[in-house]
Amino acid sequence: MPDPAFVPDGFDPPAPPADARFLLEPLGPEHNTSDYAAWTSSIDHIRSTPGFAGRKWPREMTIEQNRGDLARHADDFAKRTGFTYTVLDPAGGEVIGCVYIYPAEKGGAHVSSWVRGDRAELDAPLHDLVTGWLASSWPFTRVEYAPRAGA
């Protein structure tokens, strides 16, 4: 059962907004190979992304452990206890980042996102898109989401 302070009972996550630069869809084990390639090629970049300093992830893990992590995120999504979206390149469909929406310690949502190092120019546009989507379509009265330079 979801935390009622996080999302209401029966909550259906709103459809992600359209953007020509990337697509968002719920993250699941079917993204494992591309997800693993995306974050393992960008560990230092992710660690330098606002909101990731001092966190336990990214950390070294096998592709099988990554699949388990993706299954956990998909389970959280199904239970409405957290919402993780993969960020896909619309041209080729490969994973270029992720967005995590989970309960914040003081209520509302804690949100974080990252993009691959070779797609760093998409970090601020993704942040802007997600910030607007959260404000217009989600039930949160409080959102923690590390700002980006110039945002």
C-alpha atoms as a PDB file:
ATOM      1  CA  MET A   1       0.000   0.000   0.000  1.00  0.00           C
ATOM      2  CA  PRO A   2       1.489   3.389  -0.934  1.00  0.00           C
ATOM      3  CA  ASP A   3       2.222   5.948   1.748  1.00  0.00           C
ATOM      4  CA  PRO A   4      -0.898   8.162   1.634  1.00  0.00           C
ATOM      5  CA  ALA A   5       1.288  11.194   2.227  1.00  0.00           C
ATOM      6  CA  PHE A   6       3.171  10.315  -0.984  1.00  0.00           C
ATOM      7  CA  VAL A   7       0.400   9.559  -3.495  1.00  0.00           C
ATOM      8  CA  PRO A   8      -3.340   9.029  -2.948  1.00  0.00           C
ATOM      9  CA  ASP A   9      -4.921   5.570  -3.114  1.00  0.00           C
ATOM     10  CA  GLY A  10      -5.687   4.615  -6.705  1.00  0.00           C
ATOM     11  CA  PHE A  11      -3.197   7.135  -8.065  1.00  0.00           C
ATOM     12  CA  ASP A  12      -2.272   6.619 -11.697  1.00  0.00           C
ATOM     13  CA  PRO A  13       0.975   8.314 -12.672  1.00  0.00           C
ATOM     14  CA  PRO A  14       0.421  10.909 -15.381  1.00  0.00           C
ATOM     15  CA  ALA A  15       1.796  10.257 -18.844  1.00  0.00           C
ATOM     16  CA  PRO A  16       5.253  11.753 -19.263  1.00  0.00           C
ATOM     17  CA  PRO A  17       5.388  14.918 -21.359  1.00  0.00           C
ATOM     18  CA  ALA A  18       6.563  14.689 -24.946  1.00  0.00           C
ATOM     19  CA  ASP A  19       9.942  16.111 -25.893  1.00  0.00           C
ATOM     20  CA  ALA A  20      11.885  15.760 -29.131  1.00  0.00           C
ATOM     21  CA  ARG A  21      15.179  15.237 -27.244  1.00  0.00           C
ATOM     22  CA  PHE A  22      14.190  12.305 -25.035  1.00  0.00           C
ATOM     23  CA  LEU A  23      11.378   9.951 -24.066  1.00  0.00           C
ATOM     24  CA  LEU A  24      10.450   8.905 -20.538  1.00  0.00           C
ATOM     25  CA  GLU A  25       8.934   5.524 -19.744  1.00  0.00           C
ATOM     26  CA  PRO A  26       8.746   3.433 -16.571  1.00  0.00           C
ATOM     27  CA  LEU A  27      12.076   1.709 -15.908  1.00  0.00           C
ATOM     28  CA  GLY A  28      12.093  -2.061 -15.795  1.00  0.00           C
ATOM     29  CA  PRO A  29      14.289  -5.131 -16.296  1.00  0.00           C
ATOM     30  CA  GLU A  30      13.741  -4.924 -20.063  1.00  0.00           C
ATOM     31  CA  HIS A  31      16.079  -1.883 -20.040  1.00  0.00           C
ATOM     32  CA  ASN A  32      18.892  -3.737 -18.256  1.00  0.00           C
ATOM     33  CA  THR A  33      21.542  -3.938 -20.961  1.00  0.00           C
ATOM     34  CA  SER A  34      21.152  -0.339 -22.128  1.00  0.00           C
ATOM     35  CA  ASP A  35      20.723   1.014 -18.582  1.00  0.00           C
ATOM     36  CA  TYR A  36      23.845  -0.770 -17.392  1.00  0.00           C
ATOM     37  CA  ALA A  37      25.855   0.579 -20.335  1.00  0.00           C
ATOM     38  CA  ALA A  38      24.546   4.104 -19.704  1.00  0.00           C
ATOM     39  CA  TRP A  39      25.406   4.464 -16.042  1.00  0.00           C
ATOM     40  CA  THR A  40      28.617   2.408 -16.000  1.00  0.00           C
ATOM     41  CA  SER A  41      30.031   4.633 -18.750  1.00  0.00           C
ATOM     42  CA  SER A  42      29.155   7.764 -16.753  1.00  0.00           C
ATOM     43  CA  ILE A  43      29.885   7.093 -13.068  1.00  0.00           C
ATOM     44  CA  ASP A  44      32.025  10.188 -12.508  1.00  0.00           C
ATOM     45  CA  HIS A  45      29.565  12.352 -14.430  1.00  0.00           C
ATOM     46  CA  ILE A  46      26.606  11.053 -12.399  1.00  0.00           C
ATOM     47  CA  ARG A  47      28.458  11.602  -9.121  1.00  0.00           C
ATOM     48  CA  SER A  48      29.016  15.229 -10.162  1.00  0.00           C
ATOM     49  CA  THR A  49      25.334  15.721 -11.052  1.00  0.00           C
ATOM     50  CA  PRO A  50      23.387  17.830  -8.526  1.00  0.00           C
ATOM     51  CA  GLY A  51      21.629  15.538  -6.066  1.00  0.00           C
ATOM     52  CA  PHE A  52      24.083  12.618  -6.303  1.00  0.00           C
ATOM     53  CA  ALA A  53      27.004  13.831  -4.169  1.00  0.00           C
ATOM     54  CA  GLY A  54      27.573  11.551  -1.188  1.00  0.00           C
ATOM     55  CA  ARG A  55      25.057   8.920  -2.310  1.00  0.00           C
ATOM     56  CA  LYS A  56      25.748   5.181  -2.318  1.00  0.00           C
ATOM     57  CA  TRP A  57      24.899   4.919  -6.010  1.00  0.00           C
ATOM     58  CA  PRO A  58      26.374   4.648  -8.554  1.00  0.00           C
ATOM     59  CA  ARG A  59      28.505   1.842  -7.210  1.00  0.00           C
ATOM     60  CA  GLU A  60      30.127  -1.124  -8.829  1.00  0.00           C
ATOM     61  CA  MET A  61      27.715  -3.977  -9.531  1.00  0.00           C
ATOM     62  CA  THR A  62      27.269  -6.753 -12.055  1.00  0.00           C
ATOM     63  CA  ILE A  63      24.732  -6.630 -14.854  1.00  0.00           C
ATOM     64  CA  GLU A  64      22.741  -9.297 -12.964  1.00  0.00           C
ATOM     65  CA  GLN A  65      22.690  -7.101  -9.845  1.00  0.00           C
ATOM     66  CA  ASN A  66      21.576  -4.206 -12.030  1.00  0.00           C
ATOM     67  CA  ARG A  67      18.672  -6.305 -13.356  1.00  0.00           C
ATOM     68  CA  GLY A  68      17.629  -6.914  -9.731  1.00  0.00           C
ATOM     69  CA  ASP A  69      17.800  -3.178  -9.045  1.00  0.00           C
ATOM     70  CA  LEU A  70      15.598  -2.472 -12.078  1.00  0.00           C
ATOM     71  CA  ALA A  71      13.119  -5.141 -10.936  1.00  0.00           C
ATOM     72  CA  ARG A  72      12.956  -3.422  -7.523  1.00  0.00           C
ATOM     73  CA  HIS A  73      12.238  -0.067  -9.189  1.00  0.00           C
ATOM     74  CA  ALA A  74       9.508  -1.681 -11.328  1.00  0.00           C
ATOM     75  CA  ASP A  75       7.997  -3.248  -8.191  1.00  0.00           C
ATOM     76  CA  ASP A  76       8.039   0.133  -6.420  1.00  0.00           C
ATOM     77  CA  PHE A  77       6.256   1.631  -9.446  1.00  0.00           C
ATOM     78  CA  ALA A  78       3.601  -1.114  -9.417  1.00  0.00           C
ATOM     79  CA  LYS A  79       3.047  -0.601  -5.669  1.00  0.00           C
ATOM     80  CA  ARG A  80       3.099   3.227  -6.089  1.00  0.00           C
ATOM     81  CA  THR A  81       5.836   3.552  -3.455  1.00  0.00           C
ATOM     82  CA  GLY A  82       8.267   5.146  -5.922  1.00  0.00           C
ATOM     83  CA  PHE A  83       8.399   6.006  -9.609  1.00  0.00           C
ATOM     84  CA  THR A  84      11.508   5.528 -11.710  1.00  0.00           C
ATOM     85  CA  TYR A  85      11.561   6.490 -15.358  1.00  0.00           C
ATOM     86  CA  THR A  86      14.183   5.626 -17.895  1.00  0.00           C
ATOM     87  CA  VAL A  87      15.194   8.422 -20.236  1.00  0.00           C
ATOM     88  CA  LEU A  88      15.506   7.144 -23.790  1.00  0.00           C
ATOM     89  CA  ASP A  89      16.994   8.557 -26.961  1.00  0.00           C
ATOM     90  CA  PRO A  90      13.992   8.915 -29.302  1.00  0.00           C
ATOM     91  CA  ALA A  91      16.069   8.050 -32.372  1.00  0.00           C
ATOM     92  CA  GLY A  92      17.678   4.809 -31.222  1.00  0.00           C
ATOM     93  CA  GLY A  93      15.836   3.899 -28.033  1.00  0.00           C
ATOM     94  CA  GLU A  94      18.981   3.535 -25.925  1.00  0.00           C
ATOM     95  CA  VAL A  95      18.965   4.604 -22.277  1.00  0.00           C
ATOM     96  CA  ILE A  96      20.512   8.024 -21.777  1.00  0.00           C
ATOM     97  CA  GLY A  97      19.443   8.646 -18.172  1.00  0.00           C
ATOM     98  CA  CYS A  98      16.941   8.102 -15.375  1.00  0.00           C
ATOM     99  CA  VAL A  99      14.467  10.042 -13.228  1.00  0.00           C
ATOM    100  CA  TYR A 100      13.651   8.858  -9.683  1.00  0.00           C
ATOM    101  CA  ILE A 101      10.556  10.065  -7.792  1.00  0.00           C
ATOM    102  CA  TYR A 102      10.423   8.746  -4.225  1.00  0.00           C
ATOM    103  CA  PRO A 103       8.994   9.925  -0.902  1.00  0.00           C
ATOM    104  CA  ALA A 104      10.980  12.676   0.810  1.00  0.00           C
ATOM    105  CA  GLU A 105      11.821  12.321   4.491  1.00  0.00           C
ATOM    106  CA  LYS A 106       9.792  15.418   5.388  1.00  0.00           C
ATOM    107  CA  GLY A 107       6.843  14.649   3.109  1.00  0.00           C
ATOM    108  CA  GLY A 108       6.274  15.191  -0.565  1.00  0.00           C
ATOM    109  CA  ALA A 109       8.684  13.876  -3.157  1.00  0.00           C
ATOM    110  CA  HIS A 110      12.442  13.586  -3.450  1.00  0.00           C
ATOM    111  CA  VAL A 111      13.404  13.666  -7.121  1.00  0.00           C
ATOM    112  CA  SER A 112      16.741  13.061  -8.779  1.00  0.00           C
ATOM    113  CA  SER A 113      17.817  12.589 -12.360  1.00  0.00           C
ATOM    114  CA  TRP A 114      20.939  11.929 -14.369  1.00  0.00           C
ATOM    115  CA  VAL A 115      21.987  11.680 -17.991  1.00  0.00           C
ATOM    116  CA  ARG A 116      24.969   9.936 -19.548  1.00  0.00           C
ATOM    117  CA  GLY A 117      28.199  11.908 -19.665  1.00  0.00           C
ATOM    118  CA  ASP A 118      28.120  12.030 -23.457  1.00  0.00           C
ATOM    119  CA  ARG A 119      24.622  13.578 -23.250  1.00  0.00           C
ATOM    120  CA  ALA A 120      25.431  16.096 -20.479  1.00  0.00           C
ATOM    121  CA  GLU A 121      23.799  18.923 -22.455  1.00  0.00           C
ATOM    122  CA  LEU A 122      20.416  17.258 -21.781  1.00  0.00           C
ATOM    123  CA  ASP A 123      20.671  17.483 -17.977  1.00  0.00           C
ATOM    124  CA  ALA A 124      19.166  20.981 -17.594  1.00  0.00           C
ATOM    125  CA  PRO A 125      16.420  20.434 -20.224  1.00  0.00           C
ATOM    126  CA  LEU A 126      15.451  17.144 -18.528  1.00  0.00           C
ATOM    127  CA  HIS A 127      15.392  18.880 -15.134  1.00  0.00           C
ATOM    128  CA  ASP A 128      13.190  21.668 -16.547  1.00  0.00           C
ATOM    129  CA  LEU A 129      10.800  19.191 -18.188  1.00  0.00           C
ATOM    130  CA  VAL A 130      10.476  17.063 -15.044  1.00  0.00           C
ATOM    131  CA  THR A 131      10.047  20.125 -12.801  1.00  0.00           C
ATOM    132  CA  GLY A 132       7.169  21.383 -14.953  1.00  0.00           C
ATOM    133  CA  TRP A 133       5.588  17.922 -15.151  1.00  0.00           C
ATOM    134  CA  LEU A 134       5.723  17.492 -11.377  1.00  0.00           C
ATOM    135  CA  ALA A 135       4.147  20.918 -10.823  1.00  0.00           C
ATOM    136  CA  SER A 136       1.356  20.456 -13.377  1.00  0.00           C
ATOM    137  CA  SER A 137       0.463  16.776 -13.148  1.00  0.00           C
ATOM    138  CA  TRP A 138       1.547  15.197  -9.863  1.00  0.00           C
ATOM    139  CA  PRO A 139      -0.133  15.522  -6.426  1.00  0.00           C
ATOM    140  CA  PHE A 140       2.925  16.746  -4.519  1.00  0.00           C
ATOM    141  CA  THR A 141       2.788  19.923  -2.452  1.00  0.00           C
ATOM    142  CA  ARG A 142       6.524  19.679  -1.720  1.00  0.00           C
ATOM    143  CA  VAL A 143       9.296  18.551  -4.096  1.00  0.00           C
ATOM    144  CA  GLU A 144      13.011  18.237  -3.346  1.00  0.00           C
ATOM    145  CA  TYR A 145      14.925  18.314  -6.638  1.00  0.00           C
ATOM    146  CA  ALA A 146      18.475  19.667  -6.756  1.00  0.00           C
ATOM    147  CA  PRO A 147      18.534  22.753  -8.999  1.00  0.00           C
ATOM    148  CA  ARG A 148      20.729  22.991 -12.057  1.00  0.00           C
ATOM    149  CA  ALA A 149      23.032  25.861 -12.940  1.00  0.00           C
ATOM    150  CA  GLY A 150      21.079  28.568 -14.717  1.00  0.00           C
ATOM    151  CA  ALA A 151      17.731  27.044 -13.774  1.00  0.00           C
END
